[in-house]
Amino acid sequence: MILGGGTADRLERMKRPRSVEFADFPLRDDAGKMRRSALRAERVGPPRRDLVG
């Protein structure tokens, strides 16, 4: 089974997901907000402070 295969007939090509990732931890905090910083940290590491102007 191909993930996202069911979207091919319902969505325009530009709106279809390019990739799917799975996480081993909850993606939302207690308030229900998405934890994008946690996803980013797991994928590429914590943000580097020396690059911020």
PDB file of N, CA and C in Angstrom:
ATOM      1  N   MET A   1       0.840  -1.187   0.000  1.00  0.00           N
ATOM      2  CA  MET A   1       0.000   0.000   0.000  1.00  0.00           C
ATOM      3  C   MET A   1       0.881   1.244   0.000  1.00  0.00           C
ATOM      4  N   ILE A   2       0.562   2.171  -0.825  1.00  0.00           N
ATOM      5  CA  ILE A   2       1.303   3.429  -0.898  1.00  0.00           C
ATOM      6  C   ILE A   2       0.548   4.479  -0.104  1.00  0.00           C
ATOM      7  N   LEU A   3       1.219   5.081   0.867  1.00  0.00           N
ATOM      8  CA  LEU A   3       0.586   6.142   1.641  1.00  0.00           C
ATOM      9  C   LEU A   3       0.363   7.346   0.750  1.00  0.00           C
ATOM     10  N   GLY A   4      -0.786   7.948   0.869  1.00  0.00           N
ATOM     11  CA  GLY A   4      -1.093   9.108   0.044  1.00  0.00           C
ATOM     12  C   GLY A   4      -1.658   8.734  -1.306  1.00  0.00           C
ATOM     13  N   GLY A   5      -1.721   7.451  -1.615  1.00  0.00           N
ATOM     14  CA  GLY A   5      -2.249   7.017  -2.892  1.00  0.00           C
ATOM     15  C   GLY A   5      -3.730   7.355  -3.058  1.00  0.00           C
ATOM     16  N   GLY A   6      -4.438   7.411  -1.955  1.00  0.00           N
ATOM     17  CA  GLY A   6      -5.860   7.746  -2.010  1.00  0.00           C
ATOM     18  C   GLY A   6      -6.124   9.203  -2.308  1.00  0.00           C
ATOM     19  N   THR A   7      -5.109  10.034  -2.209  1.00  0.00           N
ATOM     20  CA  THR A   7      -5.301  11.458  -2.479  1.00  0.00           C
ATOM     21  C   THR A   7      -5.163  11.791  -3.960  1.00  0.00           C
ATOM     22  N   ALA A   8      -4.631  10.868  -4.742  1.00  0.00           N
ATOM     23  CA  ALA A   8      -4.342  11.152  -6.148  1.00  0.00           C
ATOM     24  C   ALA A   8      -5.594  11.503  -6.937  1.00  0.00           C
ATOM     25  N   ASP A   9      -6.690  10.864  -6.634  1.00  0.00           N
ATOM     26  CA  ASP A   9      -7.896  11.142  -7.405  1.00  0.00           C
ATOM     27  C   ASP A   9      -8.742  12.267  -6.815  1.00  0.00           C
ATOM     28  N   ARG A  10      -8.405  12.756  -5.616  1.00  0.00           N
ATOM     29  CA  ARG A  10      -9.215  13.796  -4.978  1.00  0.00           C
ATOM     30  C   ARG A  10      -8.547  15.165  -4.920  1.00  0.00           C
ATOM     31  N   LEU A  11      -7.227  15.200  -5.030  1.00  0.00           N
ATOM     32  CA  LEU A  11      -6.510  16.466  -4.900  1.00  0.00           C
ATOM     33  C   LEU A  11      -5.737  16.800  -6.168  1.00  0.00           C
ATOM     34  N   GLU A  12      -5.585  18.086  -6.390  1.00  0.00           N
ATOM     35  CA  GLU A  12      -4.736  18.533  -7.487  1.00  0.00           C
ATOM     36  C   GLU A  12      -3.301  18.104  -7.192  1.00  0.00           C
ATOM     37  N   ARG A  13      -2.504  17.979  -8.214  1.00  0.00           N
ATOM     38  CA  ARG A  13      -1.127  17.506  -8.058  1.00  0.00           C
ATOM     39  C   ARG A  13      -0.327  18.378  -7.088  1.00  0.00           C
ATOM     40  N   MET A  14      -0.502  19.690  -7.175  1.00  0.00           N
ATOM     41  CA  MET A  14       0.273  20.589  -6.311  1.00  0.00           C
ATOM     42  C   MET A  14      -0.159  20.513  -4.848  1.00  0.00           C
ATOM     43  N   LYS A  15      -1.322  19.960  -4.556  1.00  0.00           N
ATOM     44  CA  LYS A  15      -1.803  19.869  -3.185  1.00  0.00           C
ATOM     45  C   LYS A  15      -1.551  18.504  -2.561  1.00  0.00           C
ATOM     46  N   ARG A  16      -1.044  17.555  -3.301  1.00  0.00           N
ATOM     47  CA  ARG A  16      -0.748  16.226  -2.771  1.00  0.00           C
ATOM     48  C   ARG A  16       0.516  16.275  -1.912  1.00  0.00           C
ATOM     49  N   PRO A  17       0.557  15.489  -0.838  1.00  0.00           N
ATOM     50  CA  PRO A  17       1.767  15.468  -0.009  1.00  0.00           C
ATOM     51  C   PRO A  17       2.945  14.875  -0.775  1.00  0.00           C
ATOM     52  N   ARG A  18       4.107  15.497  -0.643  1.00  0.00           N
ATOM     53  CA  ARG A  18       5.319  14.978  -1.284  1.00  0.00           C
ATOM     54  C   ARG A  18       5.930  13.850  -0.482  1.00  0.00           C
ATOM     55  N   SER A  19       5.781  13.924   0.824  1.00  0.00           N
ATOM     56  CA  SER A  19       6.342  12.892   1.677  1.00  0.00           C
ATOM     57  C   SER A  19       5.493  12.758   2.935  1.00  0.00           C
ATOM     58  N   VAL A  20       5.679  11.652   3.633  1.00  0.00           N
ATOM     59  CA  VAL A  20       4.983  11.382   4.888  1.00  0.00           C
ATOM     60  C   VAL A  20       6.032  10.966   5.900  1.00  0.00           C
ATOM     61  N   GLU A  21       5.978  11.550   7.085  1.00  0.00           N
ATOM     62  CA  GLU A  21       6.923  11.200   8.146  1.00  0.00           C
ATOM     63  C   GLU A  21       6.155  10.740   9.375  1.00  0.00           C
ATOM     64  N   PHE A  22       6.726   9.808  10.098  1.00  0.00           N
ATOM     65  CA  PHE A  22       6.121   9.297  11.313  1.00  0.00           C
ATOM     66  C   PHE A  22       6.977   9.716  12.502  1.00  0.00           C
ATOM     67  N   ALA A  23       6.323  10.062  13.609  1.00  0.00           N
ATOM     68  CA  ALA A  23       7.029  10.472  14.821  1.00  0.00           C
ATOM     69  C   ALA A  23       6.721   9.480  15.935  1.00  0.00           C
ATOM     70  N   ASP A  24       7.696   9.293  16.817  1.00  0.00           N
ATOM     71  CA  ASP A  24       7.537   8.379  17.952  1.00  0.00           C
ATOM     72  C   ASP A  24       7.002   9.078  19.196  1.00  0.00           C
ATOM     73  N   PHE A  25       6.643  10.338  19.072  1.00  0.00           N
ATOM     74  CA  PHE A  25       6.171  11.101  20.215  1.00  0.00           C
ATOM     75  C   PHE A  25       4.956  11.923  19.801  1.00  0.00           C
ATOM     76  N   PRO A  26       4.144  12.380  20.765  1.00  0.00           N
ATOM     77  CA  PRO A  26       2.964  13.177  20.425  1.00  0.00           C
ATOM     78  C   PRO A  26       3.362  14.478  19.717  1.00  0.00           C
ATOM     79  N   LEU A  27       2.619  14.824  18.692  1.00  0.00           N
ATOM     80  CA  LEU A  27       2.917  16.031  17.922  1.00  0.00           C
ATOM     81  C   LEU A  27       2.257  17.274  18.483  1.00  0.00           C
ATOM     82  N   ARG A  28       1.351  17.101  19.410  1.00  0.00           N
ATOM     83  CA  ARG A  28       0.657  18.253  19.981  1.00  0.00           C
ATOM     84  C   ARG A  28       0.902  18.317  21.485  1.00  0.00           C
ATOM     85  N   ASP A  29       0.954  19.547  22.001  1.00  0.00           N
ATOM     86  CA  ASP A  29       1.150  19.719  23.435  1.00  0.00           C
ATOM     87  C   ASP A  29      -0.203  19.656  24.149  1.00  0.00           C
ATOM     88  N   ASP A  30      -0.213  19.943  25.451  1.00  0.00           N
ATOM     89  CA  ASP A  30      -1.448  19.850  26.237  1.00  0.00           C
ATOM     90  C   ASP A  30      -2.511  20.829  25.770  1.00  0.00           C
ATOM     91  N   ALA A  31      -2.108  21.946  25.203  1.00  0.00           N
ATOM     92  CA  ALA A  31      -3.061  22.943  24.714  1.00  0.00           C
ATOM     93  C   ALA A  31      -3.575  22.606  23.314  1.00  0.00           C
ATOM     94  N   GLY A  32      -3.039  21.547  22.711  1.00  0.00           N
ATOM     95  CA  GLY A  32      -3.481  21.149  21.391  1.00  0.00           C
ATOM     96  C   GLY A  32      -2.721  21.806  20.257  1.00  0.00           C
ATOM     97  N   LYS A  33      -1.648  22.522  20.603  1.00  0.00           N
ATOM     98  CA  LYS A  33      -0.862  23.205  19.576  1.00  0.00           C
ATOM     99  C   LYS A  33       0.210  22.275  19.018  1.00  0.00           C
ATOM    100  N   MET A  34       0.481  22.444  17.751  1.00  0.00           N
ATOM    101  CA  MET A  34       1.497  21.642  17.076  1.00  0.00           C
ATOM    102  C   MET A  34       2.880  21.995  17.602  1.00  0.00           C
ATOM    103  N   ARG A  35       3.696  21.006  17.905  1.00  0.00           N
ATOM    104  CA  ARG A  35       5.047  21.232  18.427  1.00  0.00           C
ATOM    105  C   ARG A  35       6.051  21.196  17.281  1.00  0.00           C
ATOM    106  N   ARG A  36       6.047  22.217  16.463  1.00  0.00           N
ATOM    107  CA  ARG A  36       6.945  22.265  15.300  1.00  0.00           C
ATOM    108  C   ARG A  36       8.408  22.314  15.721  1.00  0.00           C
ATOM    109  N   SER A  37       8.683  22.975  16.828  1.00  0.00           N
ATOM    110  CA  SER A  37      10.075  23.061  17.276  1.00  0.00           C
ATOM    111  C   SER A  37      10.615  21.681  17.636  1.00  0.00           C
ATOM    112  N   ALA A  38       9.780  20.823  18.217  1.00  0.00           N
ATOM    113  CA  ALA A  38      10.217  19.470  18.555  1.00  0.00           C
ATOM    114  C   ALA A  38      10.471  18.654  17.294  1.00  0.00           C
ATOM    115  N   LEU A  39       9.629  18.816  16.293  1.00  0.00           N
ATOM    116  CA  LEU A  39       9.845  18.120  15.025  1.00  0.00           C
ATOM    117  C   LEU A  39      11.134  18.575  14.361  1.00  0.00           C
ATOM    118  N   ARG A  40      11.350  19.885  14.353  1.00  0.00           N
ATOM    119  CA  ARG A  40      12.547  20.441  13.729  1.00  0.00           C
ATOM    120  C   ARG A  40      13.799  19.988  14.464  1.00  0.00           C
ATOM    121  N   ALA A  41      13.756  19.976  15.794  1.00  0.00           N
ATOM    122  CA  ALA A  41      14.920  19.570  16.589  1.00  0.00           C
ATOM    123  C   ALA A  41      15.277  18.110  16.337  1.00  0.00           C
ATOM    124  N   GLU A  42      14.268  17.261  16.186  1.00  0.00           N
ATOM    125  CA  GLU A  42      14.557  15.849  15.931  1.00  0.00           C
ATOM    126  C   GLU A  42      15.128  15.652  14.529  1.00  0.00           C
ATOM    127  N   ARG A  43      14.699  16.455  13.612  1.00  0.00           N
ATOM    128  CA  ARG A  43      15.127  16.268  12.222  1.00  0.00           C
ATOM    129  C   ARG A  43      16.489  16.876  11.934  1.00  0.00           C
ATOM    130  N   VAL A  44      16.736  18.109  12.363  1.00  0.00           N
ATOM    131  CA  VAL A  44      17.978  18.789  12.014  1.00  0.00           C
ATOM    132  C   VAL A  44      18.770  19.273  13.222  1.00  0.00           C
ATOM    133  N   GLY A  45      18.289  19.062  14.419  1.00  0.00           N
ATOM    134  CA  GLY A  45      18.983  19.530  15.605  1.00  0.00           C
ATOM    135  C   GLY A  45      18.438  20.875  16.068  1.00  0.00           C
ATOM    136  N   PRO A  46      18.861  21.325  17.220  1.00  0.00           N
ATOM    137  CA  PRO A  46      18.365  22.602  17.749  1.00  0.00           C
ATOM    138  C   PRO A  46      18.864  23.765  16.884  1.00  0.00           C
ATOM    139  N   PRO A  47      18.113  24.886  16.897  1.00  0.00           N
ATOM    140  CA  PRO A  47      18.527  26.033  16.081  1.00  0.00           C
ATOM    141  C   PRO A  47      19.860  26.607  16.553  1.00  0.00           C
ATOM    142  N   ARG A  48      20.668  27.041  15.618  1.00  0.00           N
ATOM    143  CA  ARG A  48      21.972  27.638  15.961  1.00  0.00           C
ATOM    144  C   ARG A  48      21.785  29.119  16.227  1.00  0.00           C
ATOM    145  N   ARG A  49      22.201  29.552  17.390  1.00  0.00           N
ATOM    146  CA  ARG A  49      22.029  30.948  17.797  1.00  0.00           C
ATOM    147  C   ARG A  49      23.025  31.878  17.104  1.00  0.00           C
ATOM    148  N   ASP A  50      24.162  31.348  16.626  1.00  0.00           N
ATOM    149  CA  ASP A  50      25.154  32.203  15.998  1.00  0.00           C
ATOM    150  C   ASP A  50      24.735  32.668  14.599  1.00  0.00           C
ATOM    151  N   LEU A  51      23.690  32.057  14.028  1.00  0.00           N
ATOM    152  CA  LEU A  51      23.219  32.459  12.710  1.00  0.00           C
ATOM    153  C   LEU A  51      22.153  33.546  12.768  1.00  0.00           C
ATOM    154  N   VAL A  52      21.590  33.762  13.949  1.00  0.00           N
ATOM    155  CA  VAL A  52      20.546  34.773  14.113  1.00  0.00           C
ATOM    156  C   VAL A  52      21.189  36.153  14.181  1.00  0.00           C
ATOM    157  N   GLY A  53      20.685  37.072  13.367  1.00  0.00           N
ATOM    158  CA  GLY A  53      21.261  38.408  13.262  1.00  0.00           C
ATOM    159  C   GLY A  53      21.048  39.232  14.430  1.00  0.00           C
TER     160      GLY A  53
END
